[in-house]
Amino acid sequence: MRILFIAPLPPPVSGQSLAAQVFLDSIKDDHSVDVVDMNKDDFRNGFISLKRFHEVLKLLVDTHRKLKFSDIIYLHVSESIAGNLKDLLLFLICRNKLSSLYLHLHGGSLERQVFRANKLLRMINRYFVSRTAGVIILGQSHTGIYSDFMDSTRIHIVPNFAEDCYSSSIASIQGKFRSLQPLRILYLSNLISGKGYEFLLEGFILLSEEYRRRIEIVFAGEFGSDNERDDFLSKISPYDQLHYLGFVSGEAKKELLERAHILCLPSYLFEGQPICILEGYRAGCAVVTTGKGGISDVFVEGTNGYKIEERSAQSVADVLARIIDEPDNLLGFGLHNHELAETKYTISIHTNRLQDVMGIRPSSEQIDEYKEAELGV
């Protein structure tokens, strides 16, 4: 099968670019894949510059050049006005092959930021999207985004994943919760507007000195600008319990997840299904988050951890104080989250489901043939 794969690939690393890379890796050995990389140099959605204009022009030209050879087209959908205009140009280029086009939406803000904001854009999107092979979303909370565009049979739910390398053993999970001195909290996401990292910091500062001494918070991720990073570093400098590590991956990231008691994401964005939460699950962490957007598809208060109010440092402080005073639930949350992730949020489950939706998963006979070919049989 000849597949035209249009999506952002690392670097930079984000949940969306990681998901694209993982799916690409799962299909490139069994199919002929032409890639059009939609990556940007930073995390600012909708940011327009002369450089970005040239990048978009290049990907439009690449798409047009590679389109005629494709049997199936796979496209990551953007969620800003500028990104949607780019997508509409791609739809126009692919107009004669819309019935072979699968759209993959990795977030939950498209309806609010684009479709509700501009009725004309909604009408044009509906014209093209209704003619595609189908759309792929992460969870039930996102079904309404496209429900007026097409029949529900062409709206496919494929939950997100966490990489297998971040899975901890039961013994390791039990071991880390034997000591809660200090209570280790991990923020593991890009430090950009909407992710709520500043409310975690402010919530910590609101705590009494006694509580602050019993907590350690590690922030890991990239900032949108050097000024934002420098401002953050100046705010955490008075506190020995707060650490900023920058971008982490591989063994360093695995070690952070294995040590953390709590994964905290105070996001007030209309999220998809943040990979960092699922990574926390696989590592056996309790989770503290807002439940905003698609988080509600993977997080239940009292089952996976504790819910905080969005944009509320006081809510963060109250939950952290409660955890310190009543820590007995943490191990149960960690073990439950680990079991849930191992059975529902693995790479193989995610990529197999995507391939099934697109009708490109090799049959068992084909798989046997591939293995025989590799062995030289």
Foldseek 3Di string as FASTA:
>chain_A
DEEEEEAAADVVDALRNVLSVLLCVVPVVPYHYHYQHLHDPFDDAPDDDPVNVVSLVVSLVSCLVCVVVGPAYEYEQGQAPNRLVSVLSSLVSCVVPQQRYEYEYFFQRNCVRPVVVDVVSVVSCLVRQLNHVAYEAAFPLRQVSCVVSYPPVRYHHFHAFAEPVLADDLVLLVVLVVDVQAQEEEEAHAPEPQQCPVLLLLLLVPADPVLNNNYAYEYEEHYRDPVVVVVVCVSCVVRPRYYYDYHDDDPVVSVSLSNHQEYEGAGQGLGGCGNSLLSNLSSLHQYEYACHHNVVRVDDDPQQHHHFHHPHSNSSNVRSVVCVVPVPCSNNNSVRSNVVNVVRHYSVSRSVSVCVSSVNDDDPVVVVVVVCVVVVD
